Protein backbone atom coordinates (compact mmCIF):
# COMPACT_ATOMS: atom_id res chain seq x y z
CA MET A 1 -50.44 33.76 260.64
CA LYS A 2 -49.20 32.23 257.42
CA LYS A 3 -52.03 31.69 254.97
CA ILE A 4 -52.14 30.35 251.42
CA ILE A 5 -55.00 30.75 248.95
CA PHE A 6 -55.15 28.30 246.05
CA LEU A 7 -56.74 29.54 242.82
CA PRO A 8 -58.78 28.82 240.78
CA ILE A 9 -60.51 26.58 243.34
CA ASN A 10 -60.49 29.17 246.17
CA VAL A 11 -59.24 26.85 248.90
CA GLU A 12 -57.55 28.54 251.85
CA ALA A 13 -55.11 26.95 254.30
CA GLU A 14 -52.92 28.06 257.16
CA CYS A 15 -49.32 26.90 256.91
CA ALA A 16 -46.96 25.92 259.69
CA SER A 17 -43.57 27.64 259.67
CA ASN A 18 -41.77 24.54 258.42
CA GLU A 19 -44.46 23.43 255.94
CA ASN A 20 -43.98 24.02 252.23
CA ILE A 21 -46.84 24.93 249.89
CA PHE A 22 -46.88 21.44 248.36
CA LYS A 23 -47.47 19.83 251.77
CA ALA A 24 -50.15 22.38 252.66
CA ALA A 25 -51.90 21.68 249.35
CA SER A 26 -51.76 17.92 249.93
CA ARG A 27 -53.15 18.34 253.44
CA MET A 28 -56.06 20.40 252.07
CA GLY A 29 -56.80 18.01 249.18
CA VAL A 30 -55.51 20.42 246.51
CA LYS A 31 -54.00 18.41 243.66
CA ILE A 32 -50.56 19.50 242.47
CA SER A 33 -48.65 17.34 239.96
CA THR A 34 -45.56 15.52 241.19
CA ALA A 35 -43.38 12.54 240.36
CA CYS A 36 -40.98 12.91 243.31
CA ASN A 37 -43.60 13.50 246.03
CA GLY A 38 -42.39 16.99 246.79
CA VAL A 39 -38.64 16.64 247.25
CA GLY A 40 -37.57 18.96 244.41
CA ASN A 41 -36.30 16.37 241.92
CA CYS A 42 -38.95 16.35 239.21
CA GLY A 43 -39.92 19.99 238.65
CA LEU A 44 -43.61 19.14 238.09
CA CYS A 45 -45.20 20.86 241.10
CA ARG A 46 -45.23 24.28 239.47
CA ILE A 47 -47.46 27.03 240.79
CA GLN A 48 -47.77 30.66 239.84
CA ILE A 49 -47.41 33.26 242.59
CA VAL A 50 -50.30 35.72 242.18
CA SER A 51 -49.62 37.84 245.27
CA GLY A 52 -47.71 37.74 248.54
CA GLU A 53 -44.32 36.67 247.20
CA GLU A 54 -42.68 38.86 249.85
CA TYR A 55 -43.78 36.37 252.55
CA LEU A 56 -41.98 33.44 250.90
CA ASN A 57 -38.36 32.32 250.78
CA GLY A 58 -36.32 33.14 247.69
CA GLN A 59 -35.82 30.78 244.79
CA THR A 60 -33.85 27.67 245.61
CA LYS A 61 -31.17 25.97 243.54
CA ALA A 62 -33.67 23.20 242.65
CA GLU A 63 -36.07 25.81 241.26
CA ILE A 64 -33.42 27.50 239.17
CA ASN A 65 -32.34 24.08 237.81
CA HIS A 66 -35.91 23.19 236.77
CA LEU A 67 -37.38 26.59 235.90
CA GLY A 68 -34.44 28.82 235.01
CA ASN A 69 -34.08 32.44 236.03
CA VAL A 70 -37.36 33.77 234.61
CA TYR A 71 -39.34 33.97 237.87
CA HIS A 72 -39.55 37.76 237.59
CA ILE A 73 -41.36 37.28 234.24
CA ASN A 74 -43.69 34.32 234.81
CA LYS A 75 -43.87 34.10 238.65
CA LYS A 76 -43.62 30.28 238.46
CA ARG A 77 -42.11 28.37 241.38
CA LEU A 78 -41.97 24.81 242.63
CA SER A 79 -44.52 24.39 245.41
CA CYS A 80 -42.26 21.94 247.26
CA GLN A 81 -39.58 24.62 247.55
CA CYS A 82 -41.80 27.51 248.72
CA LYS A 83 -42.00 28.18 252.45
CA PHE A 84 -43.21 31.16 254.41
CA VAL A 85 -40.46 33.24 256.00
CA LYS A 86 -42.86 35.67 257.70
CA ASP A 87 -46.54 36.03 258.44
CA GLY A 88 -48.80 37.04 255.57
CA ILE A 89 -51.20 35.86 252.91
CA THR A 90 -49.95 34.42 249.65
CA THR A 91 -52.17 33.59 246.69
CA VAL A 92 -51.07 30.98 244.16
CA LYS A 93 -52.57 29.56 240.99
CA THR A 94 -52.44 25.81 240.41
CA ASP A 95 -53.27 23.89 237.26
CA GLY A 96 -56.36 22.44 238.94
């Protein structure tokens, strides 16, 4: 099971293997800012990984272009680039 918890609103969703966090949020009615509708061009769909980063893919080139190499400091990622690579529970903080 791949499960995401959105803070501060405490909404939980199961994710399909090929579904990114942005799509899961949209499906659950969780608002995440975007200008490119989740294709990795705008850099607006930032989330903060609170726990469970080990269940997600590593940073993508699009994330490094928009956010730099400071993930290990601020835990910020682009929700459209985050996908589960193994079963687990990941908690993220959105602006909403």
